[in-house]
Amino acid sequence: MKGNEVFKHAVKRMGEAALEALKRAGVAKEEIAWLIPHQANIRIIDATGERLKLPKEKIFVNIHKYGNCSVATIPLGLEELAREGKVKKGDVIVLDAFGAGFTWAAIVYRW
């Protein structure tokens, strides 16, 4: 696979998926408390956050702790945020992924 092409595709698709999920949920991007992206690569995470114009404080990152745990990265992130008391009732959380087979998806979740 061509790493640079995969990177560009992942960032584009994750950004699009998050924006489409927000639109369908009727939620403004400014309401996002947390973006929990798939923890595949810090460059993809950072670029997706930039594409969505989110401050780094709203982007959950734990890749430095566990690496890329495939499909488990997002639930691990949500559990970690909840355990640490960083998620408050009513918070808008965007779960955003790009993975095997060049699939992508996002969901908007109100805690």
PDB file of N, CA and C in Angstrom:
ATOM      1  N   MET A   1       0.842  -1.181   0.000  1.00  0.00           N
ATOM      2  CA  MET A   1       0.000   0.000   0.000  1.00  0.00           C
ATOM      3  C   MET A   1       0.881   1.235   0.000  1.00  0.00           C
ATOM      4  N   LYS A   2       0.381   2.285  -0.529  1.00  0.00           N
ATOM      5  CA  LYS A   2       1.097   3.555  -0.593  1.00  0.00           C
ATOM      6  C   LYS A   2       0.702   4.379   0.622  1.00  0.00           C
ATOM      7  N   GLY A   3       1.619   4.467   1.588  1.00  0.00           N
ATOM      8  CA  GLY A   3       1.331   5.101   2.866  1.00  0.00           C
ATOM      9  C   GLY A   3       0.795   6.512   2.765  1.00  0.00           C
ATOM     10  N   ASN A   4       1.377   7.332   1.895  1.00  0.00           N
ATOM     11  CA  ASN A   4       0.933   8.710   1.781  1.00  0.00           C
ATOM     12  C   ASN A   4      -0.492   8.789   1.241  1.00  0.00           C
ATOM     13  N   GLU A   5      -0.827   7.915   0.302  1.00  0.00           N
ATOM     14  CA  GLU A   5      -2.186   7.891  -0.252  1.00  0.00           C
ATOM     15  C   GLU A   5      -3.195   7.428   0.811  1.00  0.00           C
ATOM     16  N   VAL A   6      -2.821   6.429   1.590  1.00  0.00           N
ATOM     17  CA  VAL A   6      -3.696   5.947   2.666  1.00  0.00           C
ATOM     18  C   VAL A   6      -3.928   7.066   3.671  1.00  0.00           C
ATOM     19  N   PHE A   7      -2.863   7.768   4.044  1.00  0.00           N
ATOM     20  CA  PHE A   7      -2.960   8.883   4.986  1.00  0.00           C
ATOM     21  C   PHE A   7      -3.957   9.929   4.485  1.00  0.00           C
ATOM     22  N   LYS A   8      -3.790  10.379   3.259  1.00  0.00           N
ATOM     23  CA  LYS A   8      -4.675  11.405   2.700  1.00  0.00           C
ATOM     24  C   LYS A   8      -6.124  10.927   2.671  1.00  0.00           C
ATOM     25  N   HIS A   9      -6.316   9.695   2.259  1.00  0.00           N
ATOM     26  CA  HIS A   9      -7.668   9.132   2.176  1.00  0.00           C
ATOM     27  C   HIS A   9      -8.298   9.028   3.572  1.00  0.00           C
ATOM     28  N   ALA A  10      -7.527   8.562   4.549  1.00  0.00           N
ATOM     29  CA  ALA A  10      -8.039   8.428   5.922  1.00  0.00           C
ATOM     30  C   ALA A  10      -8.461   9.775   6.482  1.00  0.00           C
ATOM     31  N   VAL A  11      -7.627  10.773   6.337  1.00  0.00           N
ATOM     32  CA  VAL A  11      -7.940  12.101   6.873  1.00  0.00           C
ATOM     33  C   VAL A  11      -9.171  12.682   6.189  1.00  0.00           C
ATOM     34  N   LYS A  12      -9.219  12.563   4.870  1.00  0.00           N
ATOM     35  CA  LYS A  12     -10.372  13.085   4.130  1.00  0.00           C
ATOM     36  C   LYS A  12     -11.662  12.387   4.561  1.00  0.00           C
ATOM     37  N   ARG A  13     -11.639  11.061   4.582  1.00  0.00           N
ATOM     38  CA  ARG A  13     -12.852  10.305   4.892  1.00  0.00           C
ATOM     39  C   ARG A  13     -13.289  10.474   6.348  1.00  0.00           C
ATOM     40  N   MET A  14     -12.339  10.496   7.279  1.00  0.00           N
ATOM     41  CA  MET A  14     -12.715  10.683   8.686  1.00  0.00           C
ATOM     42  C   MET A  14     -13.329  12.066   8.890  1.00  0.00           C
ATOM     43  N   GLY A  15     -12.750  13.079   8.257  1.00  0.00           N
ATOM     44  CA  GLY A  15     -13.318  14.423   8.362  1.00  0.00           C
ATOM     45  C   GLY A  15     -14.710  14.488   7.782  1.00  0.00           C
ATOM     46  N   GLU A  16     -14.884  13.923   6.588  1.00  0.00           N
ATOM     47  CA  GLU A  16     -16.200  13.906   5.944  1.00  0.00           C
ATOM     48  C   GLU A  16     -17.220  13.139   6.772  1.00  0.00           C
ATOM     49  N   ALA A  17     -16.819  11.999   7.303  1.00  0.00           N
ATOM     50  CA  ALA A  17     -17.738  11.173   8.092  1.00  0.00           C
ATOM     51  C   ALA A  17     -18.200  11.920   9.337  1.00  0.00           C
ATOM     52  N   ALA A  18     -17.276  12.585  10.014  1.00  0.00           N
ATOM     53  CA  ALA A  18     -17.641  13.338  11.217  1.00  0.00           C
ATOM     54  C   ALA A  18     -18.596  14.478  10.880  1.00  0.00           C
ATOM     55  N   LEU A  19     -18.304  15.217   9.828  1.00  0.00           N
ATOM     56  CA  LEU A  19     -19.178  16.334   9.444  1.00  0.00           C
ATOM     57  C   LEU A  19     -20.556  15.847   9.021  1.00  0.00           C
ATOM     58  N   GLU A  20     -20.618  14.734   8.297  1.00  0.00           N
ATOM     59  CA  GLU A  20     -21.917  14.181   7.885  1.00  0.00           C
ATOM     60  C   GLU A  20     -22.712  13.695   9.096  1.00  0.00           C
ATOM     61  N   ALA A  21     -22.045  13.050  10.037  1.00  0.00           N
ATOM     62  CA  ALA A  21     -22.735  12.581  11.246  1.00  0.00           C
ATOM     63  C   ALA A  21     -23.281  13.758  12.040  1.00  0.00           C
ATOM     64  N   LEU A  22     -22.490  14.816  12.166  1.00  0.00           N
ATOM     65  CA  LEU A  22     -22.950  16.014  12.873  1.00  0.00           C
ATOM     66  C   LEU A  22     -24.169  16.615  12.175  1.00  0.00           C
ATOM     67  N   LYS A  23     -24.108  16.705  10.851  1.00  0.00           N
ATOM     68  CA  LYS A  23     -25.223  17.256  10.069  1.00  0.00           C
ATOM     69  C   LYS A  23     -26.491  16.436  10.285  1.00  0.00           C
ATOM     70  N   ARG A  24     -26.365  15.119  10.178  1.00  0.00           N
ATOM     71  CA  ARG A  24     -27.542  14.253  10.332  1.00  0.00           C
ATOM     72  C   ARG A  24     -28.114  14.308  11.750  1.00  0.00           C
ATOM     73  N   ALA A  25     -27.236  14.547  12.731  1.00  0.00           N
ATOM     74  CA  ALA A  25     -27.684  14.628  14.124  1.00  0.00           C
ATOM     75  C   ALA A  25     -28.204  16.019  14.477  1.00  0.00           C
ATOM     76  N   GLY A  26     -27.995  16.973  13.584  1.00  0.00           N
ATOM     77  CA  GLY A  26     -28.424  18.345  13.865  1.00  0.00           C
ATOM     78  C   GLY A  26     -27.586  18.999  14.954  1.00  0.00           C
ATOM     79  N   VAL A  27     -26.316  18.653  14.994  1.00  0.00           N
ATOM     80  CA  VAL A  27     -25.408  19.153  16.021  1.00  0.00           C
ATOM     81  C   VAL A  27     -24.326  20.000  15.352  1.00  0.00           C
ATOM     82  N   ALA A  28     -24.055  21.167  15.928  1.00  0.00           N
ATOM     83  CA  ALA A  28     -23.003  22.046  15.398  1.00  0.00           C
ATOM     84  C   ALA A  28     -21.632  21.545  15.830  1.00  0.00           C
ATOM     85  N   LYS A  29     -20.666  21.750  14.980  1.00  0.00           N
ATOM     86  CA  LYS A  29     -19.290  21.318  15.269  1.00  0.00           C
ATOM     87  C   LYS A  29     -18.783  21.941  16.582  1.00  0.00           C
ATOM     88  N   GLU A  30     -19.240  23.139  16.866  1.00  0.00           N
ATOM     89  CA  GLU A  30     -18.824  23.846  18.078  1.00  0.00           C
ATOM     90  C   GLU A  30     -19.312  23.176  19.368  1.00  0.00           C
ATOM     91  N   GLU A  31     -20.298  22.301  19.244  1.00  0.00           N
ATOM     92  CA  GLU A  31     -20.837  21.597  20.407  1.00  0.00           C
ATOM     93  C   GLU A  31     -20.010  20.381  20.811  1.00  0.00           C
ATOM     94  N   ILE A  32     -19.059  19.987  19.993  1.00  0.00           N
ATOM     95  CA  ILE A  32     -18.260  18.796  20.287  1.00  0.00           C
ATOM     96  C   ILE A  32     -17.448  19.001  21.562  1.00  0.00           C
ATOM     97  N   ALA A  33     -17.653  18.095  22.511  1.00  0.00           N
ATOM     98  CA  ALA A  33     -16.834  18.092  23.728  1.00  0.00           C
ATOM     99  C   ALA A  33     -15.587  17.249  23.505  1.00  0.00           C
ATOM    100  N   TRP A  34     -15.760  16.120  22.800  1.00  0.00           N
ATOM    101  CA  TRP A  34     -14.654  15.200  22.538  1.00  0.00           C
ATOM    102  C   TRP A  34     -14.768  14.584  21.160  1.00  0.00           C
ATOM    103  N   LEU A  35     -13.655  14.522  20.469  1.00  0.00           N
ATOM    104  CA  LEU A  35     -13.506  13.698  19.279  1.00  0.00           C
ATOM    105  C   LEU A  35     -12.672  12.503  19.708  1.00  0.00           C
ATOM    106  N   ILE A  36     -13.226  11.309  19.531  1.00  0.00           N
ATOM    107  CA  ILE A  36     -12.468  10.092  19.814  1.00  0.00           C
ATOM    108  C   ILE A  36     -12.232   9.410  18.475  1.00  0.00           C
ATOM    109  N   PRO A  37     -11.060   9.660  17.888  1.00  0.00           N
ATOM    110  CA  PRO A  37     -10.760   9.034  16.606  1.00  0.00           C
ATOM    111  C   PRO A  37     -10.110   7.674  16.788  1.00  0.00           C
ATOM    112  N   HIS A  38     -10.206   6.865  15.762  1.00  0.00           N
ATOM    113  CA  HIS A  38      -9.471   5.605  15.734  1.00  0.00           C
ATOM    114  C   HIS A  38      -7.992   5.930  15.938  1.00  0.00           C
ATOM    115  N   GLN A  39      -7.345   5.196  16.812  1.00  0.00           N
ATOM    116  CA  GLN A  39      -5.958   5.464  17.188  1.00  0.00           C
ATOM    117  C   GLN A  39      -4.987   4.674  16.306  1.00  0.00           C
ATOM    118  N   ALA A  40      -4.990   4.977  15.017  1.00  0.00           N
ATOM    119  CA  ALA A  40      -4.129   4.261  14.080  1.00  0.00           C
ATOM    120  C   ALA A  40      -2.762   4.907  13.954  1.00  0.00           C
ATOM    121  N   ASN A  41      -2.742   6.241  14.000  1.00  0.00           N
ATOM    122  CA  ASN A  41      -1.535   6.966  13.642  1.00  0.00           C
ATOM    123  C   ASN A  41      -1.700   8.398  14.145  1.00  0.00           C
ATOM    124  N   ILE A  42      -0.729   8.924  14.872  1.00  0.00           N
ATOM    125  CA  ILE A  42      -0.859  10.272  15.443  1.00  0.00           C
ATOM    126  C   ILE A  42      -0.970  11.328  14.349  1.00  0.00           C
ATOM    127  N   ARG A  43      -0.333  11.108  13.222  1.00  0.00           N
ATOM    128  CA  ARG A  43      -0.439  12.088  12.128  1.00  0.00           C
ATOM    129  C   ARG A  43      -1.868  12.152  11.582  1.00  0.00           C
ATOM    130  N   ILE A  44      -2.514  11.003  11.479  1.00  0.00           N
ATOM    131  CA  ILE A  44      -3.906  10.979  11.011  1.00  0.00           C
ATOM    132  C   ILE A  44      -4.809  11.646  12.044  1.00  0.00           C
ATOM    133  N   ILE A  45      -4.597  11.358  13.300  1.00  0.00           N
ATOM    134  CA  ILE A  45      -5.389  11.963  14.373  1.00  0.00           C
ATOM    135  C   ILE A  45      -5.252  13.479  14.332  1.00  0.00           C
ATOM    136  N   ASP A  46      -4.013  13.975  14.300  1.00  0.00           N
ATOM    137  CA  ASP A  46      -3.770  15.423  14.278  1.00  0.00           C
ATOM    138  C   ASP A  46      -4.371  16.079  13.038  1.00  0.00           C
ATOM    139  N   ALA A  47      -4.185  15.470  11.880  1.00  0.00           N
ATOM    140  CA  ALA A  47      -4.697  16.042  10.639  1.00  0.00           C
ATOM    141  C   ALA A  47      -6.228  16.045  10.604  1.00  0.00           C
ATOM    142  N   THR A  48      -6.847  15.021  11.166  1.00  0.00           N
ATOM    143  CA  THR A  48      -8.312  14.991  11.230  1.00  0.00           C
ATOM    144  C   THR A  48      -8.815  16.115  12.131  1.00  0.00           C
ATOM    145  N   GLY A  49      -8.164  16.301  13.264  1.00  0.00           N
ATOM    146  CA  GLY A  49      -8.531  17.399  14.156  1.00  0.00           C
ATOM    147  C   GLY A  49      -8.387  18.748  13.478  1.00  0.00           C
ATOM    148  N   GLU A  50      -7.315  18.923  12.735  1.00  0.00           N
ATOM    149  CA  GLU A  50      -7.105  20.172  12.000  1.00  0.00           C
ATOM    150  C   GLU A  50      -8.179  20.352  10.928  1.00  0.00           C
ATOM    151  N   ARG A  51      -8.505  19.284  10.240  1.00  0.00           N
ATOM    152  CA  ARG A  51      -9.531  19.356   9.191  1.00  0.00           C
ATOM    153  C   ARG A  51     -10.873  19.786   9.781  1.00  0.00           C
ATOM    154  N   LEU A  52     -11.156  19.336  11.000  1.00  0.00           N
ATOM    155  CA  LEU A  52     -12.408  19.702  11.677  1.00  0.00           C
ATOM    156  C   LEU A  52     -12.282  21.010  12.452  1.00  0.00           C
ATOM    157  N   LYS A  53     -11.071  21.579  12.461  1.00  0.00           N
ATOM    158  CA  LYS A  53     -10.789  22.837  13.176  1.00  0.00           C
ATOM    159  C   LYS A  53     -11.116  22.720  14.667  1.00  0.00           C
ATOM    160  N   LEU A  54     -10.723  21.574  15.252  1.00  0.00           N
ATOM    161  CA  LEU A  54     -10.930  21.343  16.675  1.00  0.00           C
ATOM    162  C   LEU A  54      -9.645  21.623  17.434  1.00  0.00           C
ATOM    163  N   PRO A  55      -9.765  22.239  18.608  1.00  0.00           N
ATOM    164  CA  PRO A  55      -8.558  22.413  19.431  1.00  0.00           C
ATOM    165  C   PRO A  55      -8.075  21.057  19.942  1.00  0.00           C
ATOM    166  N   LYS A  56      -6.780  20.927  20.125  1.00  0.00           N
ATOM    167  CA  LYS A  56      -6.194  19.653  20.565  1.00  0.00           C
ATOM    168  C   LYS A  56      -6.795  19.170  21.879  1.00  0.00           C
ATOM    169  N   GLU A  57      -7.259  20.092  22.730  1.00  0.00           N
ATOM    170  CA  GLU A  57      -7.838  19.705  24.020  1.00  0.00           C
ATOM    171  C   GLU A  57      -9.124  18.903  23.871  1.00  0.00           C
ATOM    172  N   LYS A  58      -9.750  18.944  22.700  1.00  0.00           N
ATOM    173  CA  LYS A  58     -10.994  18.213  22.463  1.00  0.00           C
ATOM    174  C   LYS A  58     -10.770  16.895  21.718  1.00  0.00           C
ATOM    175  N   ILE A  59      -9.528  16.573  21.428  1.00  0.00           N
ATOM    176  CA  ILE A  59      -9.217  15.362  20.664  1.00  0.00           C
ATOM    177  C   ILE A  59      -8.563  14.357  21.594  1.00  0.00           C
ATOM    178  N   PHE A  60      -9.231  13.233  21.797  1.00  0.00           N
ATOM    179  CA  PHE A  60      -8.704  12.210  22.691  1.00  0.00           C
ATOM    180  C   PHE A  60      -7.605  11.423  21.993  1.00  0.00           C
ATOM    181  N   VAL A  61      -6.483  11.266  22.692  1.00  0.00           N
ATOM    182  CA  VAL A  61      -5.354  10.498  22.151  1.00  0.00           C
ATOM    183  C   VAL A  61      -4.805   9.588  23.250  1.00  0.00           C
ATOM    184  N   ASN A  62      -4.703   8.299  22.935  1.00  0.00           N
ATOM    185  CA  ASN A  62      -4.035   7.364  23.848  1.00  0.00           C
ATOM    186  C   ASN A  62      -3.164   6.362  23.081  1.00  0.00           C
ATOM    187  N   ILE A  63      -2.881   6.670  21.827  1.00  0.00           N
ATOM    188  CA  ILE A  63      -2.070   5.762  20.998  1.00  0.00           C
ATOM    189  C   ILE A  63      -0.704   5.525  21.634  1.00  0.00           C
ATOM    190  N   HIS A  64      -0.203   6.508  22.369  1.00  0.00           N
ATOM    191  CA  HIS A  64       1.100   6.376  23.027  1.00  0.00           C
ATOM    192  C   HIS A  64       1.077   5.336  24.153  1.00  0.00           C
ATOM    193  N   LYS A  65      -0.114   5.000  24.639  1.00  0.00           N
ATOM    194  CA  LYS A  65      -0.243   4.000  25.706  1.00  0.00           C
ATOM    195  C   LYS A  65      -0.419   2.580  25.175  1.00  0.00           C
ATOM    196  N   TYR A  66      -1.246   2.439  24.147  1.00  0.00           N
ATOM    197  CA  TYR A  66      -1.656   1.110  23.699  1.00  0.00           C
ATOM    198  C   TYR A  66      -1.290   0.780  22.259  1.00  0.00           C
ATOM    199  N   GLY A  67      -0.904   1.773  21.477  1.00  0.00           N
ATOM    200  CA  GLY A  67      -0.673   1.546  20.063  1.00  0.00           C
ATOM    201  C   GLY A  67      -2.000   1.426  19.328  1.00  0.00           C
ATOM    202  N   ASN A  68      -1.967   0.863  18.153  1.00  0.00           N
ATOM    203  CA  ASN A  68      -3.165   0.676  17.354  1.00  0.00           C
ATOM    204  C   ASN A  68      -3.797  -0.661  17.725  1.00  0.00           C
ATOM    205  N   CYS A  69      -4.865  -0.610  18.486  1.00  0.00           N
ATOM    206  CA  CYS A  69      -5.568  -1.823  18.934  1.00  0.00           C
ATOM    207  C   CYS A  69      -6.736  -2.154  18.011  1.00  0.00           C
ATOM    208  N   SER A  70      -6.635  -1.737  16.774  1.00  0.00           N
ATOM    209  CA  SER A  70      -7.653  -2.010  15.771  1.00  0.00           C
ATOM    210  C   SER A  70      -9.005  -1.461  16.217  1.00  0.00           C
ATOM    211  N   VAL A  71     -10.041  -2.254  16.090  1.00  0.00           N
ATOM    212  CA  VAL A  71     -11.402  -1.801  16.377  1.00  0.00           C
ATOM    213  C   VAL A  71     -11.599  -1.396  17.838  1.00  0.00           C
ATOM    214  N   ALA A  72     -10.748  -1.838  18.732  1.00  0.00           N
ATOM    215  CA  ALA A  72     -10.913  -1.547  20.163  1.00  0.00           C
ATOM    216  C   ALA A  72     -10.471  -0.142  20.558  1.00  0.00           C
ATOM    217  N   THR A  73      -9.809   0.600  19.673  1.00  0.00           N
ATOM    218  CA  THR A  73      -9.269   1.895  20.090  1.00  0.00           C
ATOM    219  C   THR A  73     -10.352   2.877  20.519  1.00  0.00           C
ATOM    220  N   ILE A  74     -11.476   2.893  19.849  1.00  0.00           N
ATOM    221  CA  ILE A  74     -12.522   3.860  20.193  1.00  0.00           C
ATOM    222  C   ILE A  74     -13.204   3.506  21.514  1.00  0.00           C
ATOM    223  N   PRO A  75     -13.656   2.266  21.746  1.00  0.00           N
ATOM    224  CA  PRO A  75     -14.244   1.970  23.048  1.00  0.00           C
ATOM    225  C   PRO A  75     -13.238   2.115  24.195  1.00  0.00           C
ATOM    226  N   LEU A  76     -11.980   1.789  23.956  1.00  0.00           N
ATOM    227  CA  LEU A  76     -10.955   2.011  24.984  1.00  0.00           C
ATOM    228  C   LEU A  76     -10.859   3.492  25.332  1.00  0.00           C
ATOM    229  N   GLY A  77     -10.910   4.337  24.312  1.00  0.00           N
ATOM    230  CA  GLY A  77     -10.855   5.780  24.539  1.00  0.00           C
ATOM    231  C   GLY A  77     -12.053   6.281  25.312  1.00  0.00           C
ATOM    232  N   LEU A  78     -13.237   5.833  24.942  1.00  0.00           N
ATOM    233  CA  LEU A  78     -14.449   6.257  25.644  1.00  0.00           C
ATOM    234  C   LEU A  78     -14.416   5.800  27.096  1.00  0.00           C
ATOM    235  N   GLU A  79     -13.991   4.570  27.324  1.00  0.00           N
ATOM    236  CA  GLU A  79     -13.903   4.055  28.694  1.00  0.00           C
ATOM    237  C   GLU A  79     -12.891   4.863  29.507  1.00  0.00           C
ATOM    238  N   GLU A  80     -11.759   5.186  28.909  1.00  0.00           N
ATOM    239  CA  GLU A  80     -10.728   5.942  29.614  1.00  0.00           C
ATOM    240  C   GLU A  80     -11.221   7.345  29.982  1.00  0.00           C
ATOM    241  N   LEU A  81     -11.881   8.012  29.059  1.00  0.00           N
ATOM    242  CA  LEU A  81     -12.431   9.341  29.352  1.00  0.00           C
ATOM    243  C   LEU A  81     -13.460   9.272  30.481  1.00  0.00           C
ATOM    244  N   ALA A  82     -14.342   8.277  30.414  1.00  0.00           N
ATOM    245  CA  ALA A  82     -15.375   8.129  31.442  1.00  0.00           C
ATOM    246  C   ALA A  82     -14.753   7.814  32.805  1.00  0.00           C
ATOM    247  N   ARG A  83     -13.807   6.897  32.821  1.00  0.00           N
ATOM    248  CA  ARG A  83     -13.153   6.505  34.080  1.00  0.00           C
ATOM    249  C   ARG A  83     -12.452   7.690  34.733  1.00  0.00           C
ATOM    250  N   GLU A  84     -11.868   8.549  33.924  1.00  0.00           N
ATOM    251  CA  GLU A  84     -11.141   9.709  34.440  1.00  0.00           C
ATOM    252  C   GLU A  84     -12.063  10.884  34.743  1.00  0.00           C
ATOM    253  N   GLY A  85     -13.364  10.709  34.532  1.00  0.00           N
ATOM    254  CA  GLY A  85     -14.333  11.758  34.849  1.00  0.00           C
ATOM    255  C   GLY A  85     -14.284  12.946  33.897  1.00  0.00           C
ATOM    256  N   LYS A  86     -13.783  12.733  32.690  1.00  0.00           N
ATOM    257  CA  LYS A  86     -13.637  13.826  31.736  1.00  0.00           C
ATOM    258  C   LYS A  86     -14.854  14.011  30.845  1.00  0.00           C
ATOM    259  N   VAL A  87     -15.815  13.089  30.944  1.00  0.00           N
ATOM    260  CA  VAL A  87     -17.040  13.193  30.160  1.00  0.00           C
ATOM    261  C   VAL A  87     -18.165  13.584  31.106  1.00  0.00           C
ATOM    262  N   LYS A  88     -18.884  14.616  30.739  1.00  0.00           N
ATOM    263  CA  LYS A  88     -19.985  15.114  31.565  1.00  0.00           C
ATOM    264  C   LYS A  88     -21.321  14.832  30.888  1.00  0.00           C
ATOM    265  N   LYS A  89     -22.355  14.706  31.706  1.00  0.00           N
ATOM    266  CA  LYS A  89     -23.692  14.462  31.170  1.00  0.00           C
ATOM    267  C   LYS A  89     -24.035  15.547  30.148  1.00  0.00           C
ATOM    268  N   GLY A  90     -24.510  15.099  28.985  1.00  0.00           N
ATOM    269  CA  GLY A  90     -24.893  16.016  27.917  1.00  0.00           C
ATOM    270  C   GLY A  90     -23.768  16.327  26.935  1.00  0.00           C
ATOM    271  N   ASP A  91     -22.535  15.895  27.225  1.00  0.00           N
ATOM    272  CA  ASP A  91     -21.420  16.137  26.313  1.00  0.00           C
ATOM    273  C   ASP A  91     -21.678  15.473  24.963  1.00  0.00           C
ATOM    274  N   VAL A  92     -21.293  16.164  23.908  1.00  0.00           N
ATOM    275  CA  VAL A  92     -21.367  15.609  22.556  1.00  0.00           C
ATOM    276  C   VAL A  92     -20.009  14.998  22.244  1.00  0.00           C
ATOM    277  N   ILE A  93     -20.027  13.725  21.885  1.00  0.00           N
ATOM    278  CA  ILE A  93     -18.815  12.978  21.577  1.00  0.00           C
ATOM    279  C   ILE A  93     -18.942  12.465  20.146  1.00  0.00           C
ATOM    280  N   VAL A  94     -17.899  12.677  19.366  1.00  0.00           N
ATOM    281  CA  VAL A  94     -17.869  12.145  18.007  1.00  0.00           C
ATOM    282  C   VAL A  94     -16.880  10.992  17.981  1.00  0.00           C
ATOM    283  N   LEU A  95     -17.367   9.828  17.607  1.00  0.00           N
ATOM    284  CA  LEU A  95     -16.538   8.641  17.444  1.00  0.00           C
ATOM    285  C   LEU A  95     -16.281   8.520  15.949  1.00  0.00           C
ATOM    286  N   ASP A  96     -15.013   8.449  15.553  1.00  0.00           N
ATOM    287  CA  ASP A  96     -14.653   8.581  14.143  1.00  0.00           C
ATOM    288  C   ASP A  96     -13.588   7.550  13.782  1.00  0.00           C
ATOM    289  N   ALA A  97     -13.830   6.780  12.728  1.00  0.00           N
ATOM    290  CA  ALA A  97     -12.905   5.690  12.407  1.00  0.00           C
ATOM    291  C   ALA A  97     -12.647   5.553  10.915  1.00  0.00           C
ATOM    292  N   PHE A  98     -11.483   5.018  10.627  1.00  0.00           N
ATOM    293  CA  PHE A  98     -11.085   4.607   9.289  1.00  0.00           C
ATOM    294  C   PHE A  98     -10.327   3.312   9.476  1.00  0.00           C
ATOM    295  N   GLY A  99     -10.679   2.287   8.715  1.00  0.00           N
ATOM    296  CA  GLY A  99     -10.022   1.022   8.993  1.00  0.00           C
ATOM    297  C   GLY A  99      -9.855   0.110   7.809  1.00  0.00           C
ATOM    298  N   ALA A 100      -9.682  -1.140   8.150  1.00  0.00           N
ATOM    299  CA  ALA A 100      -9.390  -2.198   7.182  1.00  0.00           C
ATOM    300  C   ALA A 100     -10.408  -2.192   6.049  1.00  0.00           C
ATOM    301  N   GLY A 101      -9.918  -2.464   4.865  1.00  0.00           N
ATOM    302  CA  GLY A 101     -10.787  -2.494   3.709  1.00  0.00           C
ATOM    303  C   GLY A 101     -11.185  -1.112   3.235  1.00  0.00           C
ATOM    304  N   PHE A 102     -10.494  -0.093   3.749  1.00  0.00           N
ATOM    305  CA  PHE A 102     -10.801   1.299   3.413  1.00  0.00           C
ATOM    306  C   PHE A 102     -12.258   1.621   3.728  1.00  0.00           C
ATOM    307  N   THR A 103     -12.668   1.274   4.939  1.00  0.00           N
ATOM    308  CA  THR A 103     -13.997   1.598   5.434  1.00  0.00           C
ATOM    309  C   THR A 103     -13.884   2.740   6.423  1.00  0.00           C
ATOM    310  N   TRP A 104     -14.934   3.515   6.561  1.00  0.00           N
ATOM    311  CA  TRP A 104     -14.914   4.625   7.500  1.00  0.00           C
ATOM    312  C   TRP A 104     -16.325   4.872   8.002  1.00  0.00           C
ATOM    313  N   ALA A 105     -16.401   5.482   9.180  1.00  0.00           N
ATOM    314  CA  ALA A 105     -17.694   5.787   9.778  1.00  0.00           C
ATOM    315  C   ALA A 105     -17.496   6.737  10.939  1.00  0.00           C
ATOM    316  N   ALA A 106     -18.561   7.415  11.289  1.00  0.00           N
ATOM    317  CA  ALA A 106     -18.559   8.287  12.458  1.00  0.00           C
ATOM    318  C   ALA A 106     -19.953   8.268  13.064  1.00  0.00           C
ATOM    319  N   ILE A 107     -20.009   8.532  14.338  1.00  0.00           N
ATOM    320  CA  ILE A 107     -21.275   8.635  15.046  1.00  0.00           C
ATOM    321  C   ILE A 107     -21.187   9.792  16.032  1.00  0.00           C
ATOM    322  N   VAL A 108     -22.293  10.470  16.208  1.00  0.00           N
ATOM    323  CA  VAL A 108     -22.384  11.530  17.210  1.00  0.00           C
ATOM    324  C   VAL A 108     -23.158  10.951  18.369  1.00  0.00           C
ATOM    325  N   TYR A 109     -22.592  11.092  19.540  1.00  0.00           N
ATOM    326  CA  TYR A 109     -23.141  10.476  20.747  1.00  0.00           C
ATOM    327  C   TYR A 109     -23.273  11.535  21.822  1.00  0.00           C
ATOM    328  N   ARG A 110     -24.462  11.645  22.420  1.00  0.00           N
ATOM    329  CA  ARG A 110     -24.639  12.578  23.536  1.00  0.00           C
ATOM    330  C   ARG A 110     -24.593  11.759  24.820  1.00  0.00           C
ATOM    331  N   TRP A 111     -23.657  12.058  25.688  1.00  0.00           N
ATOM    332  CA  TRP A 111     -23.408  11.299  26.917  1.00  0.00           C
ATOM    333  C   TRP A 111     -24.539  11.471  27.907  1.00  0.00           C
TER     334      TRP A 111
END
